[in-house]
């Protein structure tokens, strides 16, 4: 999973704020955002 969505995981790791991490969800397909995405 991390190989396919490497951009998402890199974005989350590099984000300095929670809102920055939330913006990384846009890098995931809509179906996977509830499963793997960052939650509030």
PDB file of N, CA and C in Angstrom:
ATOM      1  N   UNK A   1       0.827  -1.190   0.000  1.00  0.00           N
ATOM      2  CA  UNK A   1       0.000   0.000   0.000  1.00  0.00           C
ATOM      3  C   UNK A   1       0.872   1.256   0.000  1.00  0.00           C
ATOM      4  N   UNK A   2       1.935   1.250   0.790  1.00  0.00           N
ATOM      5  CA  UNK A   2       2.767   2.442   0.869  1.00  0.00           C
ATOM      6  C   UNK A   2       3.509   2.707  -0.430  1.00  0.00           C
ATOM      7  N   UNK A   3       3.807   1.683  -1.192  1.00  0.00           N
ATOM      8  CA  UNK A   3       4.479   1.905  -2.474  1.00  0.00           C
ATOM      9  C   UNK A   3       3.556   2.598  -3.460  1.00  0.00           C
ATOM     10  N   UNK A   4       2.306   2.195  -3.487  1.00  0.00           N
ATOM     11  CA  UNK A   4       1.359   2.747  -4.446  1.00  0.00           C
ATOM     12  C   UNK A   4       0.988   4.186  -4.084  1.00  0.00           C
ATOM     13  N   UNK A   5       0.799   4.454  -2.799  1.00  0.00           N
ATOM     14  CA  UNK A   5       0.372   5.780  -2.348  1.00  0.00           C
ATOM     15  C   UNK A   5       1.480   6.489  -1.574  1.00  0.00           C
ATOM     16  N   UNK A   6       2.698   6.350  -2.055  1.00  0.00           N
ATOM     17  CA  UNK A   6       3.871   6.942  -1.420  1.00  0.00           C
ATOM     18  C   UNK A   6       3.731   8.452  -1.259  1.00  0.00           C
ATOM     19  N   UNK A   7       3.156   9.124  -2.262  1.00  0.00           N
ATOM     20  CA  UNK A   7       2.978  10.587  -2.187  1.00  0.00           C
ATOM     21  C   UNK A   7       2.124  10.983  -0.986  1.00  0.00           C
ATOM     22  N   UNK A   8       1.077  10.209  -0.712  1.00  0.00           N
ATOM     23  CA  UNK A   8       0.214  10.496   0.432  1.00  0.00           C
ATOM     24  C   UNK A   8       0.990  10.375   1.741  1.00  0.00           C
ATOM     25  N   UNK A   9       1.707   9.275   1.908  1.00  0.00           N
ATOM     26  CA  UNK A   9       2.443   9.057   3.159  1.00  0.00           C
ATOM     27  C   UNK A   9       3.567  10.064   3.334  1.00  0.00           C
ATOM     28  N   UNK A  10       4.225  10.453   2.261  1.00  0.00           N
ATOM     29  CA  UNK A  10       5.266  11.472   2.331  1.00  0.00           C
ATOM     30  C   UNK A  10       4.662  12.809   2.732  1.00  0.00           C
ATOM     31  N   UNK A  11       3.518  13.125   2.160  1.00  0.00           N
ATOM     32  CA  UNK A  11       2.828  14.376   2.477  1.00  0.00           C
ATOM     33  C   UNK A  11       2.463  14.431   3.958  1.00  0.00           C
ATOM     34  N   UNK A  12       1.921  13.350   4.482  1.00  0.00           N
ATOM     35  CA  UNK A  12       1.526  13.306   5.888  1.00  0.00           C
ATOM     36  C   UNK A  12       2.750  13.438   6.787  1.00  0.00           C
ATOM     37  N   UNK A  13       3.825  12.736   6.450  1.00  0.00           N
ATOM     38  CA  UNK A  13       5.042  12.797   7.271  1.00  0.00           C
ATOM     39  C   UNK A  13       5.661  14.189   7.265  1.00  0.00           C
ATOM     40  N   UNK A  14       5.565  14.895   6.150  1.00  0.00           N
ATOM     41  CA  UNK A  14       6.185  16.209   6.019  1.00  0.00           C
ATOM     42  C   UNK A  14       5.306  17.355   6.532  1.00  0.00           C
ATOM     43  N   UNK A  15       4.037  17.073   6.784  1.00  0.00           N
ATOM     44  CA  UNK A  15       3.118  18.124   7.226  1.00  0.00           C
ATOM     45  C   UNK A  15       3.430  18.554   8.657  1.00  0.00           C
ATOM     46  N   UNK A  16       3.374  19.848   8.878  1.00  0.00           N
ATOM     47  CA  UNK A  16       3.670  20.390  10.199  1.00  0.00           C
ATOM     48  C   UNK A  16       2.418  20.597  11.042  1.00  0.00           C
ATOM     49  N   UNK A  17       1.261  20.633  10.399  1.00  0.00           N
ATOM     50  CA  UNK A  17       0.017  20.874  11.119  1.00  0.00           C
ATOM     51  C   UNK A  17      -1.019  19.817  10.766  1.00  0.00           C
ATOM     52  N   UNK A  18      -2.038  19.727  11.587  1.00  0.00           N
ATOM     53  CA  UNK A  18      -3.136  18.785  11.336  1.00  0.00           C
ATOM     54  C   UNK A  18      -3.884  19.153  10.063  1.00  0.00           C
ATOM     55  N   UNK A  19      -4.061  20.454   9.819  1.00  0.00           N
ATOM     56  CA  UNK A  19      -4.765  20.872   8.599  1.00  0.00           C
ATOM     57  C   UNK A  19      -3.932  20.522   7.365  1.00  0.00           C
ATOM     58  N   UNK A  20      -2.628  20.558   7.495  1.00  0.00           N
ATOM     59  CA  UNK A  20      -1.762  20.141   6.396  1.00  0.00           C
ATOM     60  C   UNK A  20      -1.908  18.663   6.113  1.00  0.00           C
ATOM     61  N   UNK A  21      -2.024  17.871   7.170  1.00  0.00           N
ATOM     62  CA  UNK A  21      -2.225  16.433   6.990  1.00  0.00           C
ATOM     63  C   UNK A  21      -3.573  16.145   6.354  1.00  0.00           C
ATOM     64  N   UNK A  22      -4.582  16.907   6.736  1.00  0.00           N
ATOM     65  CA  UNK A  22      -5.914  16.721   6.169  1.00  0.00           C
ATOM     66  C   UNK A  22      -5.908  16.997   4.668  1.00  0.00           C
ATOM     67  N   UNK A  23      -5.117  17.959   4.232  1.00  0.00           N
ATOM     68  CA  UNK A  23      -5.033  18.287   2.809  1.00  0.00           C
ATOM     69  C   UNK A  23      -4.408  17.142   2.018  1.00  0.00           C
ATOM     70  N   UNK A  24      -3.621  16.314   2.666  1.00  0.00           N
ATOM     71  CA  UNK A  24      -3.000  15.171   1.989  1.00  0.00           C
ATOM     72  C   UNK A  24      -4.028  14.135   1.549  1.00  0.00           C
ATOM     73  N   UNK A  25      -5.209  14.136   2.154  1.00  0.00           N
ATOM     74  CA  UNK A  25      -6.251  13.188   1.770  1.00  0.00           C
ATOM     75  C   UNK A  25      -6.616  13.307   0.297  1.00  0.00           C
ATOM     76  N   UNK A  26      -6.385  14.481  -0.295  1.00  0.00           N
ATOM     77  CA  UNK A  26      -6.701  14.673  -1.712  1.00  0.00           C
ATOM     78  C   UNK A  26      -5.842  13.786  -2.608  1.00  0.00           C
ATOM     79  N   UNK A  27      -4.745  13.263  -2.095  1.00  0.00           N
ATOM     80  CA  UNK A  27      -3.861  12.400  -2.883  1.00  0.00           C
ATOM     81  C   UNK A  27      -4.354  10.957  -2.932  1.00  0.00           C
ATOM     82  N   UNK A  28      -5.354  10.637  -2.123  1.00  0.00           N
ATOM     83  CA  UNK A  28      -5.922   9.289  -2.113  1.00  0.00           C
ATOM     84  C   UNK A  28      -7.193   9.254  -2.954  1.00  0.00           C
ATOM     85  N   UNK A  29      -7.501   8.091  -3.540  1.00  0.00           N
ATOM     86  CA  UNK A  29      -8.806   7.952  -4.201  1.00  0.00           C
ATOM     87  C   UNK A  29      -9.919   8.106  -3.173  1.00  0.00           C
ATOM     88  N   UNK A  30     -11.040   8.615  -3.613  1.00  0.00           N
ATOM     89  CA  UNK A  30     -12.161   8.913  -2.716  1.00  0.00           C
ATOM     90  C   UNK A  30     -12.593   7.693  -1.899  1.00  0.00           C
ATOM     91  N   UNK A  31     -12.545   6.494  -2.475  1.00  0.00           N
ATOM     92  CA  UNK A  31     -12.979   5.284  -1.779  1.00  0.00           C
ATOM     93  C   UNK A  31     -12.064   4.934  -0.606  1.00  0.00           C
ATOM     94  N   UNK A  32     -10.812   5.331  -0.659  1.00  0.00           N
ATOM     95  CA  UNK A  32      -9.849   4.960   0.382  1.00  0.00           C
ATOM     96  C   UNK A  32      -9.664   6.034   1.453  1.00  0.00           C
ATOM     97  N   UNK A  33     -10.235   7.183   1.272  1.00  0.00           N
ATOM     98  CA  UNK A  33     -10.036   8.277   2.235  1.00  0.00           C
ATOM     99  C   UNK A  33     -10.576   7.932   3.609  1.00  0.00           C
ATOM    100  N   UNK A  34     -11.701   7.229   3.688  1.00  0.00           N
ATOM    101  CA  UNK A  34     -12.269   6.856   4.990  1.00  0.00           C
ATOM    102  C   UNK A  34     -11.439   5.782   5.679  1.00  0.00           C
ATOM    103  N   UNK A  35     -10.762   4.954   4.890  1.00  0.00           N
ATOM    104  CA  UNK A  35      -9.995   3.846   5.450  1.00  0.00           C
ATOM    105  C   UNK A  35      -8.590   4.264   5.849  1.00  0.00           C
ATOM    106  N   UNK A  36      -7.866   4.913   4.941  1.00  0.00           N
ATOM    107  CA  UNK A  36      -6.464   5.236   5.167  1.00  0.00           C
ATOM    108  C   UNK A  36      -6.199   6.708   5.405  1.00  0.00           C
ATOM    109  N   UNK A  37      -7.163   7.555   5.142  1.00  0.00           N
ATOM    110  CA  UNK A  37      -6.956   8.993   5.232  1.00  0.00           C
ATOM    111  C   UNK A  37      -6.793   9.504   6.647  1.00  0.00           C
ATOM    112  N   UNK A  38      -6.345  10.738   6.763  1.00  0.00           N
ATOM    113  CA  UNK A  38      -6.181  11.396   8.055  1.00  0.00           C
ATOM    114  C   UNK A  38      -7.536  11.893   8.509  1.00  0.00           C
ATOM    115  N   UNK A  39      -7.850  11.633   9.781  1.00  0.00           N
ATOM    116  CA  UNK A  39      -9.131  12.064  10.326  1.00  0.00           C
ATOM    117  C   UNK A  39      -8.939  13.201  11.296  1.00  0.00           C
ATOM    118  N   UNK A  40      -9.983  13.973  11.493  1.00  0.00           N
ATOM    119  CA  UNK A  40      -9.925  15.131  12.409  1.00  0.00           C
ATOM    120  C   UNK A  40      -9.778  14.727  13.847  1.00  0.00           C
TER     121      UNK A  40
END
